[in-house]
């Protein structure tokens, strides 16, 4: 902060006094900007508008005296931190300090005393400005961290970390897991620039995030071109299976709509399974909330069996939602490392008009 950028508000009902003060201060060789006011009421208004770095204010003035103006300033959040020096022929220093003044200059003004007190006050003002700037920078950094945390951890987990410093792993007995994968991702990426590739993933996954949030689900993570989400944790939800399947349908509709408007066409495969899930934080410094268990693996295996643009769900998810969606039974399949299970495909329940409403409601385009 250079002295030339600092402003001083001089408040006195006698213009000649202000002129004399300016003459004395100019001998310091510093180029301050001087602002004038002739009474306490105007001083309050001008201070709020111009935000001076220091105020020199006379005690005895018409309309509103300096002490009353000072008390009023200290009640205003936007200007209460501005240092104020009271000037007066009175010797009641205690009253001035109690009102909020940082210093006191006795009239008639002694030039040496004036300069010394202004230099001290300006030093305080500059230190305070630097401190406030640092605080604003820290607040901006905190907002960035908050935003990053919201993208990495569920809100309830963040709250637990703030309150207790830890988040214990929990076994959730009623949850539904969804894996969604972009078909042919590796082949397509060989023809894309890194920027185009990241832009494609950002657009698709950001839109998926909106759909997930809308349907009361939680994104766990993305793994390359795969997207993992869950419903029923960290907060229980009796409609966990319905929430996830609804989100999966809207994923598919979004991709269909996006393909109409974009040169690069994508297809997705989706696997869904309901059951028991363990959720908890992984890592000591770089936190990641993740989910584990047989039923998570089952959802992943189902996704690998899924045909492009289908939504394949296990019998456990089907039983929880058989009255909410239209399903097509698929033959019994063998999943890697597991027994044979029945898989059901979710049919598209939207008409073209409803589809348009669904996609535009997310502001996806």
Protein backbone atom coordinates (compact mmCIF):
# COMPACT_ATOMS: atom_id res chain seq x y z
CA UNK A 1 0.00 0.00 0.00
CA UNK A 2 1.62 3.27 -1.11
CA UNK A 3 0.96 6.51 0.82
CA UNK A 4 -0.37 8.18 -2.34
CA UNK A 5 -3.34 5.81 -2.28
CA UNK A 6 -4.30 6.71 1.28
CA UNK A 7 -7.17 9.11 2.03
CA UNK A 8 -7.70 11.37 5.04
CA UNK A 9 -11.12 12.79 5.93
CA UNK A 10 -10.78 16.15 7.73
CA UNK A 11 -13.87 17.23 9.67
CA UNK A 12 -14.15 20.76 11.11
CA UNK A 13 -16.75 23.51 10.86
CA UNK A 14 -13.96 26.04 10.22
CA UNK A 15 -12.45 25.68 6.73
CA UNK A 16 -9.35 27.60 7.77
CA UNK A 17 -8.53 24.93 10.37
CA UNK A 18 -8.70 22.26 7.69
CA UNK A 19 -6.44 24.34 5.43
CA UNK A 20 -3.87 24.68 8.23
CA UNK A 21 -3.94 20.95 8.94
CA UNK A 22 -3.32 20.17 5.26
CA UNK A 23 -0.40 22.61 5.18
CA UNK A 24 1.18 20.92 8.19
CA UNK A 25 0.66 17.41 6.82
CA UNK A 26 2.10 18.29 3.43
CA UNK A 27 5.44 18.98 5.13
CA UNK A 28 5.64 15.21 5.67
CA UNK A 29 6.32 14.83 1.93
CA UNK A 30 3.55 12.27 1.52
CA UNK A 31 0.84 12.72 -1.14
CA UNK A 32 -2.34 11.98 0.75
CA UNK A 33 -5.80 12.57 -0.71
CA UNK A 34 -7.78 14.97 1.51
CA UNK A 35 -11.56 14.94 1.85
CA UNK A 36 -13.50 17.60 3.77
CA UNK A 37 -16.65 17.72 5.91
CA UNK A 38 -18.00 20.59 8.03
CA UNK A 39 -20.06 18.62 10.59
CA UNK A 40 -20.47 15.16 12.07
CA UNK A 41 -23.54 14.26 10.05
CA UNK A 42 -21.82 14.95 6.72
CA UNK A 43 -18.72 13.17 7.99
CA UNK A 44 -20.71 9.96 8.50
CA UNK A 45 -22.15 10.10 4.98
CA UNK A 46 -18.81 10.91 3.34
CA UNK A 47 -17.01 8.21 5.32
CA UNK A 48 -19.50 5.64 4.14
CA UNK A 49 -19.13 6.74 0.52
CA UNK A 50 -15.36 7.27 0.26
CA UNK A 51 -14.02 4.86 2.93
CA UNK A 52 -11.07 7.03 4.07
CA UNK A 53 -8.05 5.46 5.74
CA UNK A 54 -8.00 8.00 8.57
CA UNK A 55 -10.42 10.57 9.98
CA UNK A 56 -9.36 13.72 11.87
CA UNK A 57 -12.53 15.10 13.45
CA UNK A 58 -13.27 18.17 15.55
CA UNK A 59 -15.27 17.62 18.73
CA UNK A 60 -17.34 20.83 18.79
CA UNK A 61 -19.37 21.25 15.58
CA UNK A 62 -22.94 22.26 14.61
CA UNK A 63 -25.67 19.76 13.53
CA UNK A 64 -23.72 16.82 15.00
CA UNK A 65 -20.59 17.01 17.13
CA UNK A 66 -17.55 14.80 16.67
CA UNK A 67 -18.22 12.44 19.56
CA UNK A 68 -21.78 11.71 18.44
CA UNK A 69 -20.57 11.19 14.87
CA UNK A 70 -17.85 8.85 16.11
CA UNK A 71 -20.34 6.77 18.08
CA UNK A 72 -22.55 6.55 14.99
CA UNK A 73 -19.64 5.43 12.82
CA UNK A 74 -18.73 2.67 15.26
CA UNK A 75 -22.22 1.21 14.81
CA UNK A 76 -21.79 0.99 11.04
CA UNK A 77 -20.15 -2.28 9.95
CA UNK A 78 -18.70 -0.78 6.77
CA UNK A 79 -16.79 2.08 8.46
CA UNK A 80 -16.42 1.13 12.12
CA UNK A 81 -12.80 0.02 11.61
CA UNK A 82 -11.62 3.37 10.20
CA UNK A 83 -9.24 4.97 12.76
CA UNK A 84 -10.47 8.33 14.09
CA UNK A 85 -8.44 11.05 15.81
CA UNK A 86 -10.53 13.56 17.78
CA UNK A 87 -9.40 17.22 17.85
CA UNK A 88 -10.62 19.54 20.60
CA UNK A 89 -9.70 22.26 23.06
CA UNK A 90 -11.34 20.07 25.71
CA UNK A 91 -9.15 17.83 27.85
CA UNK A 92 -11.67 15.03 28.25
CA UNK A 93 -9.45 12.42 26.58
CA UNK A 94 -11.21 9.54 28.35
CA UNK A 95 -14.58 10.39 26.79
CA UNK A 96 -13.05 10.50 23.29
CA UNK A 97 -11.33 7.14 23.72
CA UNK A 98 -14.47 5.53 25.17
CA UNK A 99 -16.41 6.70 22.10
CA UNK A 100 -13.93 4.83 19.88
CA UNK A 101 -11.18 7.32 18.99
CA UNK A 102 -7.69 5.86 18.60
CA UNK A 103 -6.00 9.16 19.52
CA UNK A 104 -6.59 12.75 20.59
CA UNK A 105 -5.08 16.06 19.43
CA UNK A 106 -5.52 19.14 21.58
CA UNK A 107 -6.32 22.52 20.00
CA UNK A 108 -4.68 24.83 19.16
CA UNK A 109 -2.91 22.22 17.04
CA UNK A 110 0.82 21.76 17.47
CA UNK A 111 2.34 20.82 14.06
CA UNK A 112 4.86 18.37 15.53
CA UNK A 113 2.20 16.58 17.57
CA UNK A 114 -0.18 16.51 14.57
CA UNK A 115 2.39 14.94 12.27
CA UNK A 116 3.52 12.39 14.86
CA UNK A 117 -0.02 11.25 15.65
CA UNK A 118 -1.05 11.10 11.98
CA UNK A 119 2.05 9.04 11.11
CA UNK A 120 1.25 6.60 13.89
CA UNK A 121 -2.42 6.39 12.87
CA UNK A 122 -1.52 5.90 9.21
CA UNK A 123 0.81 3.07 10.17
CA UNK A 124 -2.10 1.43 11.98
CA UNK A 125 -4.38 2.07 8.99
CA UNK A 126 -1.93 0.47 6.55
CA UNK A 127 -1.43 -2.55 8.82
CA UNK A 128 -5.17 -2.95 9.19
CA UNK A 129 -5.69 -2.71 5.42
CA UNK A 130 -3.04 -5.36 4.83
CA UNK A 131 -4.68 -7.56 7.47
CA UNK A 132 -8.13 -7.13 5.90
CA UNK A 133 -6.72 -7.95 2.46
CA UNK A 134 -5.14 -11.08 3.88
CA UNK A 135 -8.45 -12.01 5.49
CA UNK A 136 -10.27 -11.57 2.18
CA UNK A 137 -7.69 -13.77 0.46
CA UNK A 138 -8.10 -16.44 3.14
CA UNK A 139 -11.88 -16.28 2.79
CA UNK A 140 -11.58 -16.75 -0.98
CA UNK A 141 -9.26 -19.71 -0.44
CA UNK A 142 -11.69 -21.15 2.08
CA UNK A 143 -14.52 -20.84 -0.45
CA UNK A 144 -12.39 -22.69 -3.00
CA UNK A 145 -11.66 -25.44 -0.48
CA UNK A 146 -15.36 -25.65 0.43
CA UNK A 147 -16.24 -26.01 -3.24
CA UNK A 148 -13.65 -28.73 -3.73
CA UNK A 149 -14.82 -30.58 -0.62
CA UNK A 150 -18.43 -30.49 -1.82
CA UNK A 151 -17.28 -32.15 -5.02
CA UNK A 152 -15.34 -34.83 -3.16
CA UNK A 153 -17.36 -35.56 -0.02
CA UNK A 154 -21.07 -35.76 0.86
CA UNK A 155 -22.32 -32.76 2.91
CA UNK A 156 -23.02 -34.90 5.98
CA UNK A 157 -19.42 -36.20 5.98
CA UNK A 158 -18.05 -32.65 5.69
CA UNK A 159 -20.22 -31.64 8.66
CA UNK A 160 -18.90 -34.56 10.73
CA UNK A 161 -15.31 -33.63 9.93
CA UNK A 162 -15.91 -30.05 11.00
CA UNK A 163 -17.60 -31.00 14.25
CA UNK A 164 -15.47 -33.96 15.37
CA UNK A 165 -12.46 -34.09 13.05
CA UNK A 166 -13.32 -37.68 12.08
CA UNK A 167 -15.93 -39.62 10.14
CA UNK A 168 -16.38 -43.25 11.16
CA UNK A 169 -17.12 -45.90 8.50
CA UNK A 170 -20.75 -47.02 8.55
CA UNK A 171 -22.56 -50.10 7.24
CA UNK A 172 -25.65 -49.01 5.33
CA UNK A 173 -28.09 -51.92 5.06
CA UNK A 174 -30.41 -50.30 2.52
CA UNK A 175 -28.71 -48.59 -0.39
CA UNK A 176 -28.65 -48.75 -4.16
CA UNK A 177 -25.49 -48.45 -6.25
CA UNK A 178 -25.16 -47.35 -9.87
CA UNK A 179 -22.19 -47.68 -12.22
CA UNK A 180 -22.41 -45.83 -15.54
CA UNK A 181 -19.75 -46.10 -18.22
CA UNK A 182 -19.16 -44.39 -21.59
CA UNK A 183 -19.10 -46.95 -24.39
CA UNK A 184 -16.03 -46.96 -26.66
CA UNK A 185 -14.30 -44.29 -24.62
CA UNK A 186 -10.73 -45.46 -25.27
CA UNK A 187 -11.18 -45.64 -29.04
CA UNK A 188 -12.75 -42.19 -29.22
CA UNK A 189 -10.08 -40.53 -27.09
CA UNK A 190 -7.36 -41.42 -29.62
CA UNK A 191 -8.90 -38.96 -32.09
CA UNK A 192 -9.49 -36.13 -29.57
CA UNK A 193 -7.20 -33.42 -28.28
CA UNK A 194 -6.69 -33.44 -24.48
CA UNK A 195 -8.75 -30.25 -24.18
CA UNK A 196 -11.65 -31.68 -26.20
CA UNK A 197 -11.57 -34.86 -24.16
CA UNK A 198 -11.71 -33.02 -20.83
CA UNK A 199 -14.44 -30.70 -22.14
CA UNK A 200 -16.55 -33.71 -23.15
CA UNK A 201 -16.15 -35.39 -19.77
CA UNK A 202 -16.79 -32.14 -17.90
CA UNK A 203 -19.99 -31.49 -19.82
CA UNK A 204 -21.34 -35.01 -19.41
CA UNK A 205 -20.35 -35.58 -15.78
CA UNK A 206 -21.38 -32.09 -14.68
CA UNK A 207 -24.81 -32.76 -16.15
CA UNK A 208 -24.90 -36.15 -14.44
CA UNK A 209 -24.10 -34.37 -11.15
CA UNK A 210 -27.16 -32.15 -11.56
CA UNK A 211 -29.36 -35.15 -12.23
CA UNK A 212 -27.92 -37.01 -9.24
CA UNK A 213 -28.52 -34.08 -6.89
CA UNK A 214 -32.06 -33.58 -8.21
CA UNK A 215 -32.91 -37.21 -7.45
CA UNK A 216 -31.48 -37.23 -3.91
CA UNK A 217 -28.50 -39.39 -4.77
CA UNK A 218 -24.79 -38.96 -4.05
CA UNK A 219 -21.97 -39.07 -6.54
CA UNK A 220 -19.14 -41.11 -5.05
CA UNK A 221 -16.48 -40.62 -7.71
CA UNK A 222 -15.57 -40.77 -11.37
CA UNK A 223 -13.00 -43.32 -12.50
CA UNK A 224 -11.82 -42.29 -15.94
CA UNK A 225 -14.98 -42.56 -18.05
CA UNK A 226 -16.95 -44.39 -15.33
CA UNK A 227 -19.36 -42.69 -12.94
CA UNK A 228 -20.27 -44.18 -9.55
CA UNK A 229 -23.29 -42.97 -7.58
CA UNK A 230 -25.40 -44.23 -4.69
CA UNK A 231 -28.66 -43.49 -2.91
CA UNK A 232 -29.48 -44.32 0.70
CA UNK A 233 -26.30 -42.94 2.21
CA UNK A 234 -24.85 -41.08 4.04
CA UNK A 235 -28.48 -40.24 4.86
CA UNK A 236 -31.04 -43.04 4.78
CA UNK A 237 -33.78 -42.88 2.15
CA UNK A 238 -36.50 -45.49 1.78
CA UNK A 239 -36.76 -44.62 -1.92
CA UNK A 240 -33.08 -45.32 -2.60
CA UNK A 241 -33.70 -47.75 -5.47
CA UNK A 242 -36.33 -45.55 -7.08
CA UNK A 243 -34.04 -42.50 -6.83
CA UNK A 244 -31.15 -44.22 -8.57
CA UNK A 245 -33.22 -45.74 -11.36
CA UNK A 246 -34.90 -42.40 -12.02
CA UNK A 247 -31.46 -40.78 -12.24
CA UNK A 248 -30.27 -43.53 -14.62
CA UNK A 249 -33.25 -42.94 -16.91
CA UNK A 250 -32.48 -39.23 -16.97
CA UNK A 251 -28.81 -39.99 -17.69
CA UNK A 252 -29.88 -41.94 -20.77
CA UNK A 253 -32.28 -39.24 -21.91
CA UNK A 254 -29.62 -36.58 -21.51
CA UNK A 255 -27.17 -38.55 -23.67
CA UNK A 256 -29.84 -39.03 -26.36
CA UNK A 257 -30.64 -35.33 -26.41
CA UNK A 258 -26.96 -34.37 -26.35
CA UNK A 259 -26.22 -36.60 -29.33
CA UNK A 260 -28.73 -34.63 -31.40
CA UNK A 261 -26.82 -31.40 -30.80
CA UNK A 262 -23.18 -32.60 -30.78
CA UNK A 263 -20.86 -34.05 -33.40
CA UNK A 264 -19.39 -36.58 -30.96
CA UNK A 265 -21.98 -39.25 -30.18
CA UNK A 266 -21.87 -41.17 -26.93
CA UNK A 267 -23.57 -44.26 -25.56
CA UNK A 268 -23.63 -45.40 -21.95
CA UNK A 269 -24.09 -48.65 -20.08
CA UNK A 270 -25.57 -48.68 -16.58
CA UNK A 271 -25.61 -51.31 -13.87
CA UNK A 272 -27.70 -50.99 -10.70
CA UNK A 273 -27.91 -53.15 -7.58
CA UNK A 274 -29.51 -52.73 -4.15
CA UNK A 275 -28.22 -54.14 -0.90
CA UNK A 276 -25.74 -53.54 1.88
CA UNK A 277 -22.91 -51.03 1.49
CA UNK A 278 -20.02 -49.91 3.70
CA UNK A 279 -19.14 -46.23 3.32
CA UNK A 280 -16.21 -44.35 4.80
CA UNK A 281 -13.29 -41.99 4.29
CA UNK A 282 -10.11 -43.28 2.68
CA UNK A 283 -6.76 -41.51 3.11
CA UNK A 284 -5.06 -39.49 5.83
CA UNK A 285 -4.32 -36.28 3.94
CA UNK A 286 -6.24 -36.51 0.66
CA UNK A 287 -9.69 -37.59 1.74
CA UNK A 288 -11.94 -39.67 -0.49
CA UNK A 289 -15.34 -40.98 0.52
CA UNK A 290 -15.79 -44.41 -1.01
CA UNK A 291 -18.15 -47.39 -0.81
CA UNK A 292 -17.35 -51.08 -0.54
CA UNK A 293 -18.96 -54.48 -0.35
CA UNK A 294 -20.30 -57.36 -2.38
CA UNK A 295 -23.33 -55.40 -3.53
CA UNK A 296 -21.09 -52.63 -4.90
CA UNK A 297 -19.14 -55.22 -6.89
CA UNK A 298 -22.39 -56.72 -8.14
CA UNK A 299 -23.49 -53.37 -9.58
CA UNK A 300 -20.13 -53.09 -11.37
CA UNK A 301 -20.43 -56.61 -12.81
CA UNK A 302 -23.98 -55.88 -14.00
CA UNK A 303 -22.79 -52.74 -15.77
CA UNK A 304 -20.19 -54.81 -17.66
CA UNK A 305 -22.98 -57.15 -18.85
CA UNK A 306 -25.20 -54.27 -19.96
CA UNK A 307 -25.85 -53.51 -23.63
CA UNK A 308 -25.27 -49.91 -24.84
CA UNK A 309 -28.02 -47.47 -23.80
CA UNK A 310 -29.64 -50.09 -21.58
CA UNK A 311 -30.16 -49.80 -17.82
CA UNK A 312 -29.62 -53.20 -16.23
CA UNK A 313 -30.79 -53.77 -12.65
CA UNK A 314 -30.54 -56.71 -10.32
CA UNK A 315 -33.53 -58.58 -8.91
CA UNK A 316 -33.02 -56.78 -5.56
CA UNK A 317 -33.49 -53.39 -7.23
CA UNK A 318 -36.34 -54.72 -9.37
CA UNK A 319 -38.27 -55.97 -6.35
CA UNK A 320 -38.06 -52.54 -4.70
CA UNK A 321 -39.29 -50.67 -7.79
CA UNK A 322 -41.39 -53.11 -9.85
CA UNK A 323 -44.46 -50.87 -9.49
CA UNK A 324 -42.60 -47.64 -10.27
CA UNK A 325 -41.02 -48.44 -13.65
CA UNK A 326 -41.54 -50.62 -16.72
CA UNK A 327 -39.05 -53.48 -16.89
CA UNK A 328 -38.10 -56.05 -19.48
CA UNK A 329 -36.79 -59.31 -18.11
CA UNK A 330 -33.40 -60.40 -19.39
CA UNK A 331 -32.09 -63.93 -19.28
CA UNK A 332 -30.19 -65.15 -16.27
CA UNK A 333 -26.49 -64.34 -16.54
CA UNK A 334 -23.26 -65.45 -14.94
CA UNK A 335 -21.35 -62.64 -13.27
CA UNK A 336 -17.61 -62.95 -12.79
CA UNK A 337 -16.86 -64.53 -9.42
CA UNK A 338 -20.58 -64.72 -8.54
CA UNK A 339 -23.56 -67.00 -8.91
CA UNK A 340 -26.10 -66.70 -11.71
CA UNK A 341 -28.49 -63.79 -11.27
CA UNK A 342 -31.46 -62.35 -13.13
CA UNK A 343 -31.08 -58.95 -14.72
CA UNK A 344 -33.93 -56.65 -15.74
CA UNK A 345 -33.73 -53.81 -18.26
CA UNK A 346 -35.48 -50.53 -17.47
CA UNK A 347 -37.66 -49.34 -20.33
CA UNK A 348 -37.83 -45.65 -21.27
CA UNK A 349 -40.89 -44.13 -19.60
CA UNK A 350 -40.68 -40.68 -21.25
CA UNK A 351 -42.51 -39.49 -24.34
CA UNK A 352 -40.67 -37.10 -26.66
CA UNK A 353 -42.41 -34.08 -25.10
CA UNK A 354 -41.64 -35.23 -21.57
CA UNK A 355 -38.07 -35.97 -22.59
CA UNK A 356 -37.59 -32.40 -23.76
CA UNK A 357 -38.92 -31.08 -20.46
CA UNK A 358 -36.64 -33.33 -18.45
CA UNK A 359 -33.49 -32.23 -20.25
CA UNK A 360 -34.21 -28.52 -20.36
CA UNK A 361 -35.13 -28.49 -16.68
CA UNK A 362 -31.48 -29.14 -15.82
CA UNK A 363 -30.17 -26.24 -17.93
CA UNK A 364 -27.87 -28.80 -19.52
CA UNK A 365 -27.39 -26.95 -22.76
